């Protein structure tokens, strides 16, 4: 079997910066309140006048990744697109990328695993490459949260957390042993699905019913999160996924050169860092600048860390995420 190796990275975030103080125009909150609970100072929200969407941002990040990989769009064999906020209910964002980048009629697959979406997408792409089916795969995580958030005091516990952005990676076939993706580990626990959920619209309560009711107090269109419950499960599952990945490769926590956790909450990342006794230069966080960009967060952070020279050849890089579903997982990479 082949190995898959990351040969190109790119990310894109909207220019529009929304600070914690900016949020006070919509809700009762404060910079201190938000930073204490999440670590977030600001986030990027799309300005509708720019034309940015989930797919458009994904395409912009993809162009950067393809160029850095030394490839052209015609060299890409397959697309895996992770998002919880597609431009349309259907079809998904993968086919939009194929169109926006004017690619050949290659396959496009959408992954709907929310915060762990990019981890799942990487695992899927890795398997396609390992079996020899494809040589170069474009893997994208992109989110437009701002268009679907409740910008009010009622919705502040969720709305202050999320930001918009996109990242992309090119996974390519390699015959170099012991380099690239060493393993990936995926899990789910659906009994907790409603602890972090956006219920509507759905086929349980579809368009005719929604239109007939036209209820301004219906909050099923907005994300709901049982924050404490999610936090407690996140710190447990994050740790389990990291340990599982290390043990599968005969490695210890001391072998980690860079941990890129999903940027859900700075407090979660700090807890994991303390638990694994990792020095500050071995964990990369950027939630302070971008908020939680769910499926985009791991790839944006990975790209930034690489751009800053924090990831070097032969480093052991661990990606980990936990989110709605619940779903969680890890990817172990020898750079």
Protein backbone atom coordinates (compact mmCIF):
# COMPACT_ATOMS: atom_id res chain seq x y z
CA UNK A 1 0.00 0.00 0.00
CA UNK A 2 1.00 3.59 -0.61
CA UNK A 3 1.33 6.35 1.97
CA UNK A 4 -0.44 9.70 1.72
CA UNK A 5 1.52 12.86 2.35
CA UNK A 6 0.45 16.49 2.67
CA UNK A 7 2.22 18.44 -0.07
CA UNK A 8 0.24 21.69 -0.07
CA UNK A 9 -1.65 23.81 2.46
CA UNK A 10 -3.75 26.96 2.21
CA UNK A 11 -6.36 28.91 4.11
CA UNK A 12 -8.65 31.88 3.64
CA UNK A 13 -10.60 33.96 6.17
CA UNK A 14 -12.87 36.94 5.46
CA UNK A 15 -11.42 40.43 5.91
CA UNK A 16 -14.28 41.49 8.20
CA UNK A 17 -13.05 41.31 11.83
CA UNK A 18 -15.73 41.20 14.55
CA UNK A 19 -14.36 41.86 18.03
CA UNK A 20 -16.01 40.95 21.30
CA UNK A 21 -16.86 44.60 21.81
CA UNK A 22 -18.49 44.72 18.36
CA UNK A 23 -20.95 42.04 19.49
CA UNK A 24 -22.44 44.43 22.03
CA UNK A 25 -24.44 46.08 19.25
CA UNK A 26 -26.56 42.90 19.06
CA UNK A 27 -26.47 41.41 22.55
CA UNK A 28 -25.68 41.93 26.21
CA UNK A 29 -22.13 40.68 26.58
CA UNK A 30 -18.59 41.87 27.24
CA UNK A 31 -15.05 41.20 26.13
CA UNK A 32 -14.20 39.91 29.61
CA UNK A 33 -17.18 37.50 29.70
CA UNK A 34 -16.33 35.97 26.32
CA UNK A 35 -12.59 35.68 26.89
CA UNK A 36 -13.03 34.11 30.32
CA UNK A 37 -15.29 31.35 28.97
CA UNK A 38 -13.83 30.73 25.52
CA UNK A 39 -10.49 32.50 25.08
CA UNK A 40 -11.86 34.24 21.97
CA UNK A 41 -10.97 37.90 21.30
CA UNK A 42 -12.31 38.25 17.77
CA UNK A 43 -13.59 36.27 14.83
CA UNK A 44 -14.11 36.75 11.07
CA UNK A 45 -17.67 37.06 9.75
CA UNK A 46 -18.43 37.28 6.05
CA UNK A 47 -19.51 40.65 4.73
CA UNK A 48 -22.31 39.64 2.32
CA UNK A 49 -21.24 42.36 -0.11
CA UNK A 50 -17.98 40.49 -0.80
CA UNK A 51 -19.65 37.46 -2.35
CA UNK A 52 -17.84 35.06 -0.03
CA UNK A 53 -19.70 31.83 0.72
CA UNK A 54 -18.68 28.47 2.15
CA UNK A 55 -17.78 27.17 -1.31
CA UNK A 56 -16.14 30.41 -2.48
CA UNK A 57 -13.90 30.49 0.60
CA UNK A 58 -13.11 26.82 0.07
CA UNK A 59 -12.11 27.54 -3.52
CA UNK A 60 -9.85 30.42 -2.47
CA UNK A 61 -8.07 28.23 0.10
CA UNK A 62 -7.82 25.41 -2.46
CA UNK A 63 -6.09 27.58 -5.05
CA UNK A 64 -3.39 28.44 -2.53
CA UNK A 65 -2.90 24.80 -1.51
CA UNK A 66 -2.73 23.58 -5.12
CA UNK A 67 -0.17 26.24 -6.05
CA UNK A 68 1.98 25.46 -3.00
CA UNK A 69 1.86 21.76 -3.90
CA UNK A 70 3.37 22.59 -7.28
CA UNK A 71 0.32 21.18 -9.04
CA UNK A 72 -2.43 22.49 -11.29
CA UNK A 73 -6.16 21.97 -10.93
CA UNK A 74 -5.95 19.29 -13.62
CA UNK A 75 -3.64 17.21 -11.40
CA UNK A 76 -6.33 16.76 -8.74
CA UNK A 77 -8.10 13.39 -8.91
CA UNK A 78 -10.77 13.76 -6.22
CA UNK A 79 -12.34 16.29 -3.83
CA UNK A 80 -13.41 15.75 -0.21
CA UNK A 81 -15.29 18.73 1.22
CA UNK A 82 -16.10 18.98 4.94
CA UNK A 83 -18.68 21.49 6.19
CA UNK A 84 -21.80 21.85 8.31
CA UNK A 85 -22.81 25.04 6.47
CA UNK A 86 -23.11 24.29 2.75
CA UNK A 87 -24.29 27.02 0.42
CA UNK A 88 -27.33 24.91 -0.43
CA UNK A 89 -29.26 22.20 1.38
CA UNK A 90 -28.28 20.11 -1.64
CA UNK A 91 -26.16 19.63 -3.65
CA UNK A 92 -23.10 19.85 -1.43
CA UNK A 93 -20.03 22.02 -1.64
CA UNK A 94 -17.72 19.50 -3.29
CA UNK A 95 -19.31 19.87 -6.72
CA UNK A 96 -19.21 23.65 -6.36
CA UNK A 97 -15.43 23.46 -5.89
CA UNK A 98 -15.16 21.34 -9.05
CA UNK A 99 -17.05 24.06 -10.92
CA UNK A 100 -15.44 27.11 -9.30
CA UNK A 101 -11.93 25.80 -10.02
CA UNK A 102 -12.94 24.64 -13.52
CA UNK A 103 -11.66 21.15 -12.87
CA UNK A 104 -12.22 18.04 -15.00
CA UNK A 105 -15.27 15.95 -14.07
CA UNK A 106 -13.57 14.35 -11.08
CA UNK A 107 -15.51 12.91 -8.15
CA UNK A 108 -16.52 15.08 -5.20
CA UNK A 109 -17.55 13.85 -1.78
CA UNK A 110 -19.11 15.84 1.06
CA UNK A 111 -18.46 15.06 4.73
CA UNK A 112 -21.01 16.24 7.31
CA UNK A 113 -19.26 15.61 10.61
CA UNK A 114 -19.25 19.15 11.94
CA UNK A 115 -16.26 19.98 14.18
CA UNK A 116 -14.52 16.68 13.41
CA UNK A 117 -15.34 16.98 9.70
CA UNK A 118 -11.80 17.69 8.56
CA UNK A 119 -10.41 14.75 10.56
CA UNK A 120 -12.96 12.46 8.89
CA UNK A 121 -12.23 14.00 5.49
CA UNK A 122 -8.50 13.42 5.88
CA UNK A 123 -9.12 9.81 6.87
CA UNK A 124 -11.33 9.23 3.81
CA UNK A 125 -8.76 10.78 1.47
CA UNK A 126 -5.97 8.78 3.10
CA UNK A 127 -7.77 5.50 2.39
CA UNK A 128 -8.35 6.36 -1.27
CA UNK A 129 -4.64 7.10 -1.69
CA UNK A 130 -3.42 4.10 0.30
CA UNK A 131 -5.39 1.72 -1.93
CA UNK A 132 -3.98 3.31 -5.08
CA UNK A 133 -7.32 4.58 -6.37
CA UNK A 134 -6.23 8.25 -6.48
CA UNK A 135 -2.91 10.06 -6.50
CA UNK A 136 -3.74 13.68 -5.54
CA UNK A 137 -6.77 14.57 -3.41
CA UNK A 138 -8.00 18.03 -2.45
CA UNK A 139 -9.33 18.03 1.12
CA UNK A 140 -11.26 21.11 2.27
CA UNK A 141 -12.81 22.34 5.50
CA UNK A 142 -14.95 25.47 5.14
CA UNK A 143 -17.67 27.18 7.16
CA UNK A 144 -20.01 30.15 6.95
CA UNK A 145 -21.45 30.34 10.46
CA UNK A 146 -22.28 34.02 10.62
CA UNK A 147 -25.23 33.76 8.26
CA UNK A 148 -27.02 31.32 10.57
CA UNK A 149 -26.32 32.66 14.06
CA UNK A 150 -28.89 34.26 16.33
CA UNK A 151 -27.39 37.69 16.95
CA UNK A 152 -29.26 38.44 20.16
CA UNK A 153 -28.89 38.06 23.90
CA UNK A 154 -31.00 34.90 23.64
CA UNK A 155 -28.43 33.33 21.31
CA UNK A 156 -25.21 34.72 22.75
CA UNK A 157 -23.96 31.51 24.42
CA UNK A 158 -23.50 30.03 20.96
CA UNK A 159 -23.16 33.04 18.66
CA UNK A 160 -20.08 34.54 20.32
CA UNK A 161 -18.13 31.33 19.66
CA UNK A 162 -18.31 30.81 15.92
CA UNK A 163 -16.44 32.32 12.99
CA UNK A 164 -16.13 31.92 9.22
CA UNK A 165 -13.21 30.62 7.18
CA UNK A 166 -11.76 27.83 5.07
CA UNK A 167 -8.65 25.72 4.73
CA UNK A 168 -7.41 23.16 2.23
CA UNK A 169 -4.77 20.45 1.99
CA UNK A 170 -3.43 18.41 -0.90
CA UNK A 171 -2.85 14.76 -0.01
CA UNK A 172 -0.59 13.00 -2.46
CA UNK A 173 0.62 9.45 -3.01
CA UNK A 174 4.04 8.64 -1.60
CA UNK A 175 6.14 5.49 -1.49
CA UNK A 176 8.34 6.83 1.32
CA UNK A 177 7.78 4.56 4.31
CA UNK A 178 7.14 6.02 7.75
CA UNK A 179 6.25 9.49 6.44
CA UNK A 180 2.91 11.18 5.88
CA UNK A 181 -0.30 10.01 7.56
CA UNK A 182 0.58 7.13 9.87
CA UNK A 183 -2.97 6.41 11.02
CA UNK A 184 -6.40 7.91 11.64
CA UNK A 185 -8.93 7.04 14.33
CA UNK A 186 -12.64 7.87 14.17
CA UNK A 187 -15.48 7.54 16.69
CA UNK A 188 -19.10 8.53 17.26
CA UNK A 189 -21.75 8.40 20.01
CA UNK A 190 -25.12 9.38 18.61
CA UNK A 191 -27.04 9.19 21.88
CA UNK A 192 -25.71 12.68 22.64
CA UNK A 193 -26.77 14.14 19.28
CA UNK A 194 -29.16 16.70 20.78
CA UNK A 195 -26.59 18.17 23.19
CA UNK A 196 -25.04 20.07 20.27
CA UNK A 197 -27.51 20.40 17.45
CA UNK A 198 -29.27 22.47 14.83
CA UNK A 199 -32.63 20.72 14.39
CA UNK A 200 -34.33 22.66 11.64
CA UNK A 201 -35.13 22.67 8.90
CA UNK A 202 -35.35 18.90 8.66
CA UNK A 203 -37.63 16.29 7.17
CA UNK A 204 -39.13 15.79 10.65
CA UNK A 205 -40.58 19.27 10.29
CA UNK A 206 -40.35 20.24 6.69
CA UNK A 207 -41.02 23.33 4.60
CA UNK A 208 -44.87 23.27 4.54
CA UNK A 209 -45.10 23.09 8.34
CA UNK A 210 -42.47 25.78 8.83
CA UNK A 211 -44.18 28.14 6.43
CA UNK A 212 -47.61 27.51 7.94
CA UNK A 213 -46.44 28.24 11.49
CA UNK A 214 -44.15 31.21 10.74
CA UNK A 215 -43.37 31.33 14.45
CA UNK A 216 -40.88 34.06 15.47
CA UNK A 217 -40.16 32.20 18.72
CA UNK A 218 -39.12 29.00 16.95
CA UNK A 219 -35.43 28.55 17.80
CA UNK A 220 -34.95 25.22 16.00
CA UNK A 221 -33.26 27.11 13.16
CA UNK A 222 -30.41 28.16 15.45
CA UNK A 223 -27.61 26.07 16.91
CA UNK A 224 -28.14 24.75 20.45
CA UNK A 225 -25.31 23.66 22.72
CA UNK A 226 -25.34 22.19 26.23
CA UNK A 227 -22.01 23.83 26.99
CA UNK A 228 -20.99 22.12 30.22
CA UNK A 229 -22.02 18.70 28.94
CA UNK A 230 -20.10 19.16 25.70
CA UNK A 231 -17.04 20.49 27.55
CA UNK A 232 -16.86 17.46 29.86
CA UNK A 233 -17.16 14.99 27.01
CA UNK A 234 -14.72 16.91 24.82
CA UNK A 235 -11.81 16.79 27.25
CA UNK A 236 -12.35 13.04 27.70
CA UNK A 237 -12.69 12.16 24.02
CA UNK A 238 -9.87 14.45 22.90
CA UNK A 239 -7.51 12.63 25.25
CA UNK A 240 -8.72 9.18 24.23
CA UNK A 241 -8.32 9.90 20.52
CA UNK A 242 -4.78 11.22 20.97
CA UNK A 243 -3.71 8.28 23.13
CA UNK A 244 -5.28 5.81 20.71
CA UNK A 245 -3.36 7.30 17.81
CA UNK A 246 -0.06 7.30 19.66
CA UNK A 247 -0.42 3.73 20.89
CA UNK A 248 -1.36 2.47 17.42
CA UNK A 249 2.04 3.68 16.21
CA UNK A 250 4.11 2.68 19.23
CA UNK A 251 4.57 6.30 20.29
CA UNK A 252 4.35 8.23 23.57
CA UNK A 253 3.14 11.74 24.36
CA UNK A 254 6.78 12.80 24.62
CA UNK A 255 7.12 12.09 20.90
CA UNK A 256 4.59 14.80 19.94
CA UNK A 257 6.25 17.75 18.22
CA UNK A 258 3.03 19.62 17.39
CA UNK A 259 -0.56 19.11 18.54
CA UNK A 260 -3.22 20.86 16.48
CA UNK A 261 -6.50 20.57 18.38
CA UNK A 262 -9.83 21.57 16.92
CA UNK A 263 -10.38 25.17 18.02
CA UNK A 264 -13.59 24.67 20.02
CA UNK A 265 -12.62 26.45 23.22
CA UNK A 266 -9.22 27.63 24.43
CA UNK A 267 -9.97 26.16 27.87
CA UNK A 268 -10.35 22.69 26.36
CA UNK A 269 -7.05 23.00 24.48
CA UNK A 270 -5.28 24.23 27.62
CA UNK A 271 -6.68 21.31 29.64
CA UNK A 272 -5.40 18.82 27.07
CA UNK A 273 -2.02 20.54 26.98
CA UNK A 274 -1.67 20.25 30.76
CA UNK A 275 -2.83 16.64 30.77
CA UNK A 276 -0.21 15.63 28.21
CA UNK A 277 2.40 17.94 29.76
CA UNK A 278 3.16 19.61 26.46
CA UNK A 279 5.20 22.81 26.28
CA UNK A 280 3.63 25.89 24.72
CA UNK A 281 5.63 25.50 21.51
CA UNK A 282 4.13 22.03 20.99
CA UNK A 283 0.50 23.13 20.82
CA UNK A 284 -0.91 25.58 18.30
CA UNK A 285 -4.06 27.59 19.02
CA UNK A 286 -5.59 30.42 17.01
CA UNK A 287 -9.16 30.46 18.37
CA UNK A 288 -8.31 33.85 19.88
CA UNK A 289 -8.30 35.35 16.35
CA UNK A 290 -10.86 33.27 14.47
CA UNK A 291 -13.27 31.72 16.96
CA UNK A 292 -14.54 28.22 16.29
CA UNK A 293 -14.63 27.57 12.54
CA UNK A 294 -15.67 23.92 13.09
CA UNK A 295 -14.65 21.84 10.05
CA UNK A 296 -12.21 24.57 8.98
CA UNK A 297 -10.49 25.04 12.33
CA UNK A 298 -7.93 22.21 12.25
CA UNK A 299 -6.79 22.93 8.70
CA UNK A 300 -6.58 26.69 9.25
CA UNK A 301 -4.50 26.14 12.40
CA UNK A 302 -2.31 23.51 10.71
CA UNK A 303 -1.63 25.85 7.80
CA UNK A 304 -0.79 28.79 10.07
CA UNK A 305 1.54 26.67 12.21
CA UNK A 306 3.32 25.44 9.09
CA UNK A 307 3.59 28.96 7.65
CA UNK A 308 5.17 30.16 10.90
CA UNK A 309 7.82 27.45 10.72
CA UNK A 310 6.48 25.61 13.76
CA UNK A 311 6.24 22.33 11.82
CA UNK A 312 9.42 20.88 10.38
CA UNK A 313 10.49 17.84 8.41
CA UNK A 314 10.14 14.60 10.38
CA UNK A 315 8.05 16.22 13.15
CA UNK A 316 5.27 14.15 14.68
CA UNK A 317 2.08 16.14 14.16
CA UNK A 318 -1.16 15.14 15.89
CA UNK A 319 -4.53 16.47 14.72
CA UNK A 320 -7.54 15.93 17.00
CA UNK A 321 -11.16 17.08 17.05
CA UNK A 322 -14.42 16.59 18.92
CA UNK A 323 -17.85 17.87 18.08
CA UNK A 324 -21.53 17.46 17.37
CA UNK A 325 -22.78 13.96 16.86
CA UNK A 326 -20.95 13.36 19.09
CA UNK A 327 -18.08 12.56 16.73
CA UNK A 328 -14.38 12.68 17.40
CA UNK A 329 -11.07 11.45 16.06
CA UNK A 330 -7.36 11.94 15.48
CA UNK A 331 -4.84 11.81 12.66
CA UNK A 332 -1.18 11.02 13.33
CA UNK A 333 1.27 12.47 10.81
CA UNK A 334 5.04 12.14 10.37
CA UNK A 335 5.83 15.36 8.51
